[in-house]
C-alpha cells in the first residue's frame, strides 16, 4: 500500500465511519501530508506500513526545527495516531508505531473574550448603507446570540429557524444537531435581512435553503466571515486580535459569569465533554480585582 492509497482509505473512513465534516477530514489529511513531506526528504521510499517509531521521533524533531507551536504539533501527532489506528482496525498492520509517540505538553490557554461594549461597538460599526450591511449585522447578532462555530453559521438553514419558539436548530460537528435559544434582537435583525436583502438575490439552486448568502446568491465562505469581522475591528480600532470564534467564546463567558448552569452552556455550545466548557469558568478581571481589594490584608 502506498501513501495515496492509505490517504484515500483513511479519508473514506473519516467521512463514512466517523461522519466528520469536510473541514475536519481535510485537517487530518494535512497532518498525514506533513509526515509524507518529512519522509520524502529524509527517508525515501518508505511506505505507510514500513514506518517505525524512530521515523516518527525524527518527524517530531523536524517539527520542532521548523518552530511549529506545541499546540499545532499536538494536533498533527493526533492526526497521525488516528491514521495508524485506522490501519490497525483495517488489519493492514499488526502493531501501532505511534503507540509510544509522545505529544508535547501544552498549557490550557484562556480564550480571548469581548466585553458587551466591544460587541455592541462592532455590530454598530456595520455600514447599513451598503447592500450587504443588514446581512452582516444579522450574522453578528446570530453568531453572538447563539454561540455558533463559523462553520455552523455559514451552514445555517432557513428550515432550521424556529423563531416562533425562540430556537434555531444547529448542525454541528459530525452531523450532530442541537437546539439553541436565539435572542429577540437576532430574530429582529434576521427578519430585516430576509426582507431587505436576501429576497432580492438571484439564489443558486444549491443554496436555496442557506440563510446567509453572498451577493451572487451562494453560500458564504468561512474566510469571508473572518474578513468581515477583521475589517469591523479595524474600523473601530479594536486593540484585540479577534475572529468569529471570539464571539463564541464571549457568548459562553458572559453566560457563565452571569451565573448560567455549566451543563446548559455545554449543551448550547455542543461540546462533547464538559471539561471543554469548564475553560469558560475563569473569573473576570474586575471580580478578581475587587476580591483582592476586599480580602487581602495588604490591600
C-alpha atoms as a PDB file:
ATOM      1  CA  UNK A   1       0.000   0.000   0.000  1.00  0.00           C
ATOM      2  CA  UNK A   2       1.372   3.429  -0.953  1.00  0.00           C
ATOM      3  CA  UNK A   3       0.597   6.755   0.685  1.00  0.00           C
ATOM      4  CA  UNK A   4      -2.078   7.798  -1.800  1.00  0.00           C
ATOM      5  CA  UNK A   5      -3.990   4.545  -1.248  1.00  0.00           C
ATOM      6  CA  UNK A   6      -3.623   4.916   2.503  1.00  0.00           C
ATOM      7  CA  UNK A   7      -4.850   8.507   2.496  1.00  0.00           C
ATOM      8  CA  UNK A   8      -7.824   7.668   0.278  1.00  0.00           C
ATOM      9  CA  UNK A   9      -8.922   4.834   2.536  1.00  0.00           C
ATOM     10  CA  UNK A  10      -8.415   6.978   5.645  1.00  0.00           C
ATOM     11  CA  UNK A  11     -10.423   9.801   4.095  1.00  0.00           C
ATOM     12  CA  UNK A  12     -13.351   7.472   3.355  1.00  0.00           C
ATOM     13  CA  UNK A  13     -13.117   6.068   6.884  1.00  0.00           C
ATOM     14  CA  UNK A  14     -13.335   9.552   8.421  1.00  0.00           C
ATOM     15  CA  UNK A  15     -16.272  10.535   6.219  1.00  0.00           C
ATOM     16  CA  UNK A  16     -18.311   7.327   6.384  1.00  0.00           C
ATOM     17  CA  UNK A  17     -17.407   5.735   9.718  1.00  0.00           C
ATOM     18  CA  UNK A  18     -16.655   8.830  11.790  1.00  0.00           C
ATOM     19  CA  UNK A  19     -19.077  11.180   9.982  1.00  0.00           C
ATOM     20  CA  UNK A  20     -16.593  14.044  10.217  1.00  0.00           C
ATOM     21  CA  UNK A  21     -17.071  17.333   8.394  1.00  0.00           C
ATOM     22  CA  UNK A  22     -15.101  18.109   5.255  1.00  0.00           C
ATOM     23  CA  UNK A  23     -13.031  20.657   7.197  1.00  0.00           C
ATOM     24  CA  UNK A  24     -12.081  18.066   9.824  1.00  0.00           C
ATOM     25  CA  UNK A  25     -11.230  15.462   7.188  1.00  0.00           C
ATOM     26  CA  UNK A  26      -9.057  17.988   5.382  1.00  0.00           C
ATOM     27  CA  UNK A  27      -7.191  18.736   8.618  1.00  0.00           C
ATOM     28  CA  UNK A  28      -6.439  15.033   9.172  1.00  0.00           C
ATOM     29  CA  UNK A  29      -5.177  14.598   5.614  1.00  0.00           C
ATOM     30  CA  UNK A  30      -2.943  17.656   6.015  1.00  0.00           C
ATOM     31  CA  UNK A  31      -1.404  16.008   9.094  1.00  0.00           C
ATOM     32  CA  UNK A  32      -0.547  12.945   7.011  1.00  0.00           C
ATOM     33  CA  UNK A  33       0.877  15.150   4.260  1.00  0.00           C
ATOM     34  CA  UNK A  34       3.300  16.706   6.748  1.00  0.00           C
ATOM     35  CA  UNK A  35       4.609  13.254   7.660  1.00  0.00           C
ATOM     36  CA  UNK A  36       4.936  12.346   3.970  1.00  0.00           C
ATOM     37  CA  UNK A  37       6.831  15.571   3.333  1.00  0.00           C
ATOM     38  CA  UNK A  38       9.309  14.738   6.100  1.00  0.00           C
ATOM     39  CA  UNK A  39       9.768  11.123   4.987  1.00  0.00           C
ATOM     40  CA  UNK A  40      10.312  12.092   1.350  1.00  0.00           C
ATOM     41  CA  UNK A  41      13.071  14.470   2.381  1.00  0.00           C
ATOM     42  CA  UNK A  42      14.767  12.168   4.854  1.00  0.00           C
ATOM     43  CA  UNK A  43      13.740   8.532   4.227  1.00  0.00           C
ATOM     44  CA  UNK A  44      12.877   7.910   0.589  1.00  0.00           C
ATOM     45  CA  UNK A  45      10.557   5.109  -0.486  1.00  0.00           C
ATOM     46  CA  UNK A  46       9.129   4.342   2.951  1.00  0.00           C
ATOM     47  CA  UNK A  47       5.507   3.206   2.662  1.00  0.00           C
ATOM     48  CA  UNK A  48       2.925   3.707   5.433  1.00  0.00           C
ATOM     49  CA  UNK A  49       3.316   0.077   6.521  1.00  0.00           C
ATOM     50  CA  UNK A  50       7.101   0.414   6.940  1.00  0.00           C
ATOM     51  CA  UNK A  51       7.081   3.458   9.227  1.00  0.00           C
ATOM     52  CA  UNK A  52       8.616   2.790  12.654  1.00  0.00           C
ATOM     53  CA  UNK A  53       8.853   4.700  15.918  1.00  0.00           C
ATOM     54  CA  UNK A  54      12.345   6.024  15.111  1.00  0.00           C
ATOM     55  CA  UNK A  55      10.975   7.633  11.933  1.00  0.00           C
ATOM     56  CA  UNK A  56       8.237   9.277  13.952  1.00  0.00           C
ATOM     57  CA  UNK A  57      10.709  10.574  16.542  1.00  0.00           C
ATOM     58  CA  UNK A  58      12.685  12.145  13.720  1.00  0.00           C
ATOM     59  CA  UNK A  59       9.457  13.678  12.424  1.00  0.00           C
ATOM     60  CA  UNK A  60       8.760  15.298  15.810  1.00  0.00           C
ATOM     61  CA  UNK A  61      12.310  16.709  15.881  1.00  0.00           C
ATOM     62  CA  UNK A  62      11.705  18.048  12.354  1.00  0.00           C
ATOM     63  CA  UNK A  63       8.535  19.801  13.504  1.00  0.00           C
ATOM     64  CA  UNK A  64      10.489  21.390  16.369  1.00  0.00           C
ATOM     65  CA  UNK A  65      13.171  22.635  13.997  1.00  0.00           C
ATOM     66  CA  UNK A  66      10.512  24.339  11.929  1.00  0.00           C
ATOM     67  CA  UNK A  67       9.384  26.202  15.086  1.00  0.00           C
ATOM     68  CA  UNK A  68       5.848  24.857  14.862  1.00  0.00           C
ATOM     69  CA  UNK A  69       3.936  25.639  18.048  1.00  0.00           C
ATOM     70  CA  UNK A  70       3.367  22.856  20.619  1.00  0.00           C
ATOM     71  CA  UNK A  71      -0.388  23.120  20.075  1.00  0.00           C
ATOM     72  CA  UNK A  72      -0.046  22.594  16.312  1.00  0.00           C
ATOM     73  CA  UNK A  73       2.435  19.769  16.876  1.00  0.00           C
ATOM     74  CA  UNK A  74      -0.017  18.045  19.219  1.00  0.00           C
ATOM     75  CA  UNK A  75      -2.782  18.393  16.631  1.00  0.00           C
ATOM     76  CA  UNK A  76      -0.551  16.932  13.906  1.00  0.00           C
ATOM     77  CA  UNK A  77       0.556  13.994  16.068  1.00  0.00           C
ATOM     78  CA  UNK A  78      -3.064  13.294  16.974  1.00  0.00           C
ATOM     79  CA  UNK A  79      -3.916  13.079  13.258  1.00  0.00           C
ATOM     80  CA  UNK A  80      -1.072  10.634  12.586  1.00  0.00           C
ATOM     81  CA  UNK A  81      -2.098   8.490  15.550  1.00  0.00           C
ATOM     82  CA  UNK A  82      -5.633   8.363  14.137  1.00  0.00           C
ATOM     83  CA  UNK A  83      -4.273   7.262  10.748  1.00  0.00           C
ATOM     84  CA  UNK A  84      -2.376   4.320  12.244  1.00  0.00           C
ATOM     85  CA  UNK A  85      -5.332   3.333  14.429  1.00  0.00           C
ATOM     86  CA  UNK A  86      -7.308   3.156  11.187  1.00  0.00           C
ATOM     87  CA  UNK A  87      -4.649   0.897   9.605  1.00  0.00           C
ATOM     88  CA  UNK A  88      -4.791  -1.304  12.716  1.00  0.00           C
ATOM     89  CA  UNK A  89      -8.591  -1.570  12.515  1.00  0.00           C
ATOM     90  CA  UNK A  90      -8.355  -2.469   8.823  1.00  0.00           C
ATOM     91  CA  UNK A  91      -5.795  -5.168   9.573  1.00  0.00           C
ATOM     92  CA  UNK A  92      -3.109  -3.553   7.415  1.00  0.00           C
ATOM     93  CA  UNK A  93      -0.671  -3.507  10.364  1.00  0.00           C
ATOM     94  CA  UNK A  94      -0.332  -5.739  13.421  1.00  0.00           C
ATOM     95  CA  UNK A  95       1.377  -3.228  15.718  1.00  0.00           C
ATOM     96  CA  UNK A  96       0.919   0.538  16.012  1.00  0.00           C
ATOM     97  CA  UNK A  97       4.189   2.501  15.580  1.00  0.00           C
ATOM     98  CA  UNK A  98       2.554   5.578  17.157  1.00  0.00           C
ATOM     99  CA  UNK A  99       1.718   3.800  20.430  1.00  0.00           C
ATOM    100  CA  UNK A 100       4.780   5.273  22.196  1.00  0.00           C
ATOM    101  CA  UNK A 101       4.730   8.539  20.266  1.00  0.00           C
ATOM    102  CA  UNK A 102       4.536  11.419  22.750  1.00  0.00           C
ATOM    103  CA  UNK A 103       2.804  14.733  22.162  1.00  0.00           C
ATOM    104  CA  UNK A 104       4.242  17.997  23.508  1.00  0.00           C
ATOM    105  CA  UNK A 105       2.712  19.310  26.705  1.00  0.00           C
ATOM    106  CA  UNK A 106       0.504  22.303  26.073  1.00  0.00           C
ATOM    107  CA  UNK A 107      -0.925  24.572  28.711  1.00  0.00           C
ATOM    108  CA  UNK A 108      -4.563  25.496  28.874  1.00  0.00           C
ATOM    109  CA  UNK A 109      -4.983  28.881  27.242  1.00  0.00           C
ATOM    110  CA  UNK A 110      -7.838  31.077  28.324  1.00  0.00           C
ATOM    111  CA  UNK A 111      -9.773  32.250  25.276  1.00  0.00           C
ATOM    112  CA  UNK A 112      -9.906  35.931  24.398  1.00  0.00           C
ATOM    113  CA  UNK A 113     -13.326  37.444  25.004  1.00  0.00           C
ATOM    114  CA  UNK A 114     -15.027  40.686  24.110  1.00  0.00           C
ATOM    115  CA  UNK A 115     -16.897  42.887  26.549  1.00  0.00           C
ATOM    116  CA  UNK A 116     -20.528  43.740  25.873  1.00  0.00           C
ATOM    117  CA  UNK A 117     -19.414  47.257  24.971  1.00  0.00           C
ATOM    118  CA  UNK A 118     -16.943  45.909  22.401  1.00  0.00           C
ATOM    119  CA  UNK A 119     -19.544  43.607  20.864  1.00  0.00           C
ATOM    120  CA  UNK A 120     -22.006  46.495  20.612  1.00  0.00           C
ATOM    121  CA  UNK A 121     -19.317  48.684  19.032  1.00  0.00           C
ATOM    122  CA  UNK A 122     -18.510  46.024  16.425  1.00  0.00           C
ATOM    123  CA  UNK A 123     -22.147  45.474  15.493  1.00  0.00           C
ATOM    124  CA  UNK A 124     -22.871  49.211  15.427  1.00  0.00           C
ATOM    125  CA  UNK A 125     -19.884  49.691  13.102  1.00  0.00           C
ATOM    126  CA  UNK A 126     -21.647  47.749  10.335  1.00  0.00           C
ATOM    127  CA  UNK A 127     -22.350  50.110   7.439  1.00  0.00           C
ATOM    128  CA  UNK A 128     -26.079  49.714   6.809  1.00  0.00           C
ATOM    129  CA  UNK A 129     -25.884  51.957   3.755  1.00  0.00           C
ATOM    130  CA  UNK A 130     -24.201  49.095   1.890  1.00  0.00           C
ATOM    131  CA  UNK A 131     -26.369  46.393   0.359  1.00  0.00           C
ATOM    132  CA  UNK A 132     -24.776  43.652   2.490  1.00  0.00           C
ATOM    133  CA  UNK A 133     -24.866  45.725   5.690  1.00  0.00           C
ATOM    134  CA  UNK A 134     -28.076  44.237   7.107  1.00  0.00           C
ATOM    135  CA  UNK A 135     -26.811  40.733   6.319  1.00  0.00           C
ATOM    136  CA  UNK A 136     -23.586  41.377   8.232  1.00  0.00           C
ATOM    137  CA  UNK A 137     -25.447  42.806  11.210  1.00  0.00           C
ATOM    138  CA  UNK A 138     -27.810  39.828  11.297  1.00  0.00           C
ATOM    139  CA  UNK A 139     -24.858  37.415  11.095  1.00  0.00           C
ATOM    140  CA  UNK A 140     -23.015  39.006  14.012  1.00  0.00           C
ATOM    141  CA  UNK A 141     -26.154  39.106  16.152  1.00  0.00           C
ATOM    142  CA  UNK A 142     -26.754  35.407  15.413  1.00  0.00           C
ATOM    143  CA  UNK A 143     -23.109  34.494  15.982  1.00  0.00           C
ATOM    144  CA  UNK A 144     -23.091  36.085  19.443  1.00  0.00           C
ATOM    145  CA  UNK A 145     -26.691  35.285  20.388  1.00  0.00           C
ATOM    146  CA  UNK A 146     -26.275  31.551  19.756  1.00  0.00           C
ATOM    147  CA  UNK A 147     -22.540  30.964  20.298  1.00  0.00           C
ATOM    148  CA  UNK A 148     -22.124  29.322  16.891  1.00  0.00           C
ATOM    149  CA  UNK A 149     -18.988  28.000  15.264  1.00  0.00           C
ATOM    150  CA  UNK A 150     -18.246  29.767  11.981  1.00  0.00           C
ATOM    151  CA  UNK A 151     -18.993  26.557  10.042  1.00  0.00           C
ATOM    152  CA  UNK A 152     -22.384  26.371  11.780  1.00  0.00           C
ATOM    153  CA  UNK A 153     -23.146  29.985  10.888  1.00  0.00           C
ATOM    154  CA  UNK A 154     -22.396  29.648   7.171  1.00  0.00           C
ATOM    155  CA  UNK A 155     -24.342  26.371   7.037  1.00  0.00           C
ATOM    156  CA  UNK A 156     -27.411  27.644   8.925  1.00  0.00           C
ATOM    157  CA  UNK A 157     -30.603  26.688   7.079  1.00  0.00           C
ATOM    158  CA  UNK A 158     -33.840  28.646   6.803  1.00  0.00           C
ATOM    159  CA  UNK A 159     -35.826  25.490   7.607  1.00  0.00           C
ATOM    160  CA  UNK A 160     -33.905  25.238  10.897  1.00  0.00           C
ATOM    161  CA  UNK A 161     -35.175  28.603  12.146  1.00  0.00           C
ATOM    162  CA  UNK A 162     -37.931  28.180  14.726  1.00  0.00           C
ATOM    163  CA  UNK A 163     -38.354  31.811  15.679  1.00  0.00           C
ATOM    164  CA  UNK A 164     -41.921  31.314  16.942  1.00  0.00           C
ATOM    165  CA  UNK A 165     -40.493  29.047  19.629  1.00  0.00           C
ATOM    166  CA  UNK A 166     -37.343  31.152  20.085  1.00  0.00           C
ATOM    167  CA  UNK A 167     -34.922  28.447  18.887  1.00  0.00           C
ATOM    168  CA  UNK A 168     -32.705  27.528  15.961  1.00  0.00           C
ATOM    169  CA  UNK A 169     -31.557  24.018  15.081  1.00  0.00           C
ATOM    170  CA  UNK A 170     -27.791  23.861  14.592  1.00  0.00           C
ATOM    171  CA  UNK A 171     -25.962  21.179  12.650  1.00  0.00           C
ATOM    172  CA  UNK A 172     -22.655  20.814  14.494  1.00  0.00           C
ATOM    173  CA  UNK A 173     -19.599  18.601  14.293  1.00  0.00           C
ATOM    174  CA  UNK A 174     -20.028  15.091  12.896  1.00  0.00           C
ATOM    175  CA  UNK A 175     -23.580  15.982  11.835  1.00  0.00           C
ATOM    176  CA  UNK A 176     -24.816  16.246  15.420  1.00  0.00           C
ATOM    177  CA  UNK A 177     -27.820  18.519  15.848  1.00  0.00           C
ATOM    178  CA  UNK A 178     -28.773  20.686  18.811  1.00  0.00           C
ATOM    179  CA  UNK A 179     -31.420  23.283  19.624  1.00  0.00           C
ATOM    180  CA  UNK A 180     -30.112  26.685  20.725  1.00  0.00           C
ATOM    181  CA  UNK A 181     -32.194  29.598  22.051  1.00  0.00           C
ATOM    182  CA  UNK A 182     -31.982  32.745  19.924  1.00  0.00           C
ATOM    183  CA  UNK A 183     -32.338  36.302  21.198  1.00  0.00           C
ATOM    184  CA  UNK A 184     -35.139  38.633  20.201  1.00  0.00           C
ATOM    185  CA  UNK A 185     -32.567  41.049  18.770  1.00  0.00           C
ATOM    186  CA  UNK A 186     -31.095  38.369  16.500  1.00  0.00           C
ATOM    187  CA  UNK A 187     -34.599  37.365  15.354  1.00  0.00           C
ATOM    188  CA  UNK A 188     -35.359  41.011  14.535  1.00  0.00           C
ATOM    189  CA  UNK A 189     -32.144  41.531  12.540  1.00  0.00           C
ATOM    190  CA  UNK A 190     -32.505  38.245  10.632  1.00  0.00           C
ATOM    191  CA  UNK A 191     -36.071  39.201   9.737  1.00  0.00           C
ATOM    192  CA  UNK A 192     -34.883  42.516   8.303  1.00  0.00           C
ATOM    193  CA  UNK A 193     -32.160  40.730   6.356  1.00  0.00           C
ATOM    194  CA  UNK A 194     -34.626  38.263   4.843  1.00  0.00           C
ATOM    195  CA  UNK A 195     -36.954  41.062   3.734  1.00  0.00           C
ATOM    196  CA  UNK A 196     -34.431  43.724   2.730  1.00  0.00           C
ATOM    197  CA  UNK A 197     -31.558  41.759   1.189  1.00  0.00           C
ATOM    198  CA  UNK A 198     -31.992  38.049   0.691  1.00  0.00           C
ATOM    199  CA  UNK A 199     -35.282  38.071  -1.191  1.00  0.00           C
ATOM    200  CA  UNK A 200     -33.728  40.367  -3.814  1.00  0.00           C
ATOM    201  CA  UNK A 201     -30.920  37.905  -4.625  1.00  0.00           C
ATOM    202  CA  UNK A 202     -30.814  35.519  -7.536  1.00  0.00           C
ATOM    203  CA  UNK A 203     -30.247  32.454  -5.344  1.00  0.00           C
ATOM    204  CA  UNK A 204     -28.392  29.475  -6.836  1.00  0.00           C
ATOM    205  CA  UNK A 205     -30.130  26.114  -6.764  1.00  0.00           C
ATOM    206  CA  UNK A 206     -27.802  24.515  -4.193  1.00  0.00           C
ATOM    207  CA  UNK A 207     -28.143  27.477  -1.783  1.00  0.00           C
ATOM    208  CA  UNK A 208     -31.908  27.929  -1.665  1.00  0.00           C
ATOM    209  CA  UNK A 209     -32.167  26.759   1.957  1.00  0.00           C
ATOM    210  CA  UNK A 210     -28.997  28.507   3.205  1.00  0.00           C
ATOM    211  CA  UNK A 211     -29.762  31.568   5.325  1.00  0.00           C
ATOM    212  CA  UNK A 212     -26.748  33.830   4.790  1.00  0.00           C
ATOM    213  CA  UNK A 213     -25.675  34.327   1.160  1.00  0.00           C
ATOM    214  CA  UNK A 214     -23.180  36.407  -0.764  1.00  0.00           C
ATOM    215  CA  UNK A 215     -24.178  38.877  -3.472  1.00  0.00           C
ATOM    216  CA  UNK A 216     -24.084  36.076  -6.072  1.00  0.00           C
ATOM    217  CA  UNK A 217     -26.729  34.123  -4.170  1.00  0.00           C
ATOM    218  CA  UNK A 218     -24.309  31.491  -2.908  1.00  0.00           C
ATOM    219  CA  UNK A 219     -23.287  30.189   0.483  1.00  0.00           C
ATOM    220  CA  UNK A 220     -20.720  32.368   2.228  1.00  0.00           C
ATOM    221  CA  UNK A 221     -17.222  31.041   2.841  1.00  0.00           C
ATOM    222  CA  UNK A 222     -15.637  30.831   6.279  1.00  0.00           C
ATOM    223  CA  UNK A 223     -12.892  33.168   5.079  1.00  0.00           C
ATOM    224  CA  UNK A 224     -15.487  35.816   4.219  1.00  0.00           C
ATOM    225  CA  UNK A 225     -16.784  35.826   7.806  1.00  0.00           C
ATOM    226  CA  UNK A 226     -13.222  36.238   9.120  1.00  0.00           C
ATOM    227  CA  UNK A 227     -12.673  39.156   6.716  1.00  0.00           C
ATOM    228  CA  UNK A 228     -15.906  40.929   7.696  1.00  0.00           C
ATOM    229  CA  UNK A 229     -15.034  40.745  11.402  1.00  0.00           C
ATOM    230  CA  UNK A 230     -11.416  41.777  10.853  1.00  0.00           C
ATOM    231  CA  UNK A 231     -12.486  44.857   8.877  1.00  0.00           C
ATOM    232  CA  UNK A 232     -15.015  45.852  11.542  1.00  0.00           C
ATOM    233  CA  UNK A 233     -12.375  45.507  14.284  1.00  0.00           C
ATOM    234  CA  UNK A 234     -10.029  47.766  12.309  1.00  0.00           C
ATOM    235  CA  UNK A 235     -12.783  50.318  11.730  1.00  0.00           C
ATOM    236  CA  UNK A 236     -13.293  50.819  15.497  1.00  0.00           C
ATOM    237  CA  UNK A 237      -9.542  50.493  16.256  1.00  0.00           C
ATOM    238  CA  UNK A 238     -10.140  47.455  18.468  1.00  0.00           C
ATOM    239  CA  UNK A 239      -6.809  46.504  20.051  1.00  0.00           C
ATOM    240  CA  UNK A 240      -7.526  42.773  20.114  1.00  0.00           C
ATOM    241  CA  UNK A 241      -6.895  40.008  17.620  1.00  0.00           C
ATOM    242  CA  UNK A 242     -10.353  38.547  17.065  1.00  0.00           C
ATOM    243  CA  UNK A 243     -12.099  36.001  14.859  1.00  0.00           C
ATOM    244  CA  UNK A 244     -15.619  34.575  14.543  1.00  0.00           C
ATOM    245  CA  UNK A 245     -14.711  32.166  17.355  1.00  0.00           C
ATOM    246  CA  UNK A 246     -14.188  35.149  19.676  1.00  0.00           C
ATOM    247  CA  UNK A 247     -17.947  35.732  19.557  1.00  0.00           C
ATOM    248  CA  UNK A 248     -18.489  32.109  20.621  1.00  0.00           C
ATOM    249  CA  UNK A 249     -16.005  32.499  23.474  1.00  0.00           C
ATOM    250  CA  UNK A 250     -17.707  35.723  24.543  1.00  0.00           C
ATOM    251  CA  UNK A 251     -21.152  34.102  24.426  1.00  0.00           C
ATOM    252  CA  UNK A 252     -20.039  31.302  26.769  1.00  0.00           C
ATOM    253  CA  UNK A 253     -18.014  33.524  29.088  1.00  0.00           C
ATOM    254  CA  UNK A 254     -20.819  36.063  29.516  1.00  0.00           C
ATOM    255  CA  UNK A 255     -23.347  33.330  30.279  1.00  0.00           C
ATOM    256  CA  UNK A 256     -21.195  31.654  32.917  1.00  0.00           C
ATOM    257  CA  UNK A 257     -20.070  34.915  34.506  1.00  0.00           C
ATOM    258  CA  UNK A 258     -23.758  35.805  34.696  1.00  0.00           C
ATOM    259  CA  UNK A 259     -24.495  32.614  36.648  1.00  0.00           C
ATOM    260  CA  UNK A 260     -25.637  30.218  33.904  1.00  0.00           C
ATOM    261  CA  UNK A 261     -25.512  26.475  34.616  1.00  0.00           C
ATOM    262  CA  UNK A 262     -22.388  24.852  33.163  1.00  0.00           C
ATOM    263  CA  UNK A 263     -24.344  21.891  31.769  1.00  0.00           C
ATOM    264  CA  UNK A 264     -26.742  24.221  29.965  1.00  0.00           C
ATOM    265  CA  UNK A 265     -23.836  26.110  28.392  1.00  0.00           C
ATOM    266  CA  UNK A 266     -22.238  22.790  27.372  1.00  0.00           C
ATOM    267  CA  UNK A 267     -25.458  21.816  25.602  1.00  0.00           C
ATOM    268  CA  UNK A 268     -25.776  25.145  23.812  1.00  0.00           C
ATOM    269  CA  UNK A 269     -22.152  25.052  22.634  1.00  0.00           C
ATOM    270  CA  UNK A 270     -22.421  21.446  21.509  1.00  0.00           C
ATOM    271  CA  UNK A 271     -19.362  20.307  23.482  1.00  0.00           C
ATOM    272  CA  UNK A 272     -18.834  16.546  23.791  1.00  0.00           C
ATOM    273  CA  UNK A 273     -17.158  16.909  27.190  1.00  0.00           C
ATOM    274  CA  UNK A 274     -17.970  19.334  29.976  1.00  0.00           C
ATOM    275  CA  UNK A 275     -14.213  19.658  30.522  1.00  0.00           C
ATOM    276  CA  UNK A 276     -14.095  21.712  27.328  1.00  0.00           C
ATOM    277  CA  UNK A 277     -16.806  24.013  28.667  1.00  0.00           C
ATOM    278  CA  UNK A 278     -15.084  24.430  32.027  1.00  0.00           C
ATOM    279  CA  UNK A 279     -12.445  26.680  30.495  1.00  0.00           C
ATOM    280  CA  UNK A 280     -15.090  29.410  30.475  1.00  0.00           C
ATOM    281  CA  UNK A 281     -15.447  29.325  34.244  1.00  0.00           C
ATOM    282  CA  UNK A 282     -12.461  31.677  34.590  1.00  0.00           C
ATOM    283  CA  UNK A 283     -13.431  34.732  36.618  1.00  0.00           C
ATOM    284  CA  UNK A 284     -13.349  38.142  35.014  1.00  0.00           C
ATOM    285  CA  UNK A 285     -10.551  40.537  35.968  1.00  0.00           C
ATOM    286  CA  UNK A 286     -12.842  43.084  37.672  1.00  0.00           C
ATOM    287  CA  UNK A 287     -14.198  40.418  40.035  1.00  0.00           C
ATOM    288  CA  UNK A 288     -10.708  39.154  40.851  1.00  0.00           C
ATOM    289  CA  UNK A 289      -9.505  42.681  41.499  1.00  0.00           C
ATOM    290  CA  UNK A 290     -12.412  43.513  43.806  1.00  0.00           C
ATOM    291  CA  UNK A 291     -11.907  40.245  45.713  1.00  0.00           C
ATOM    292  CA  UNK A 292      -8.220  41.011  46.295  1.00  0.00           C
ATOM    293  CA  UNK A 293      -9.010  44.555  47.411  1.00  0.00           C
ATOM    294  CA  UNK A 294     -11.691  43.333  49.794  1.00  0.00           C
ATOM    295  CA  UNK A 295      -9.959  40.385  51.418  1.00  0.00           C
ATOM    296  CA  UNK A 296      -6.173  40.639  51.024  1.00  0.00           C
ATOM    297  CA  UNK A 297      -4.500  42.002  54.189  1.00  0.00           C
ATOM    298  CA  UNK A 298      -2.076  44.157  52.176  1.00  0.00           C
ATOM    299  CA  UNK A 299      -4.909  45.839  50.320  1.00  0.00           C
END
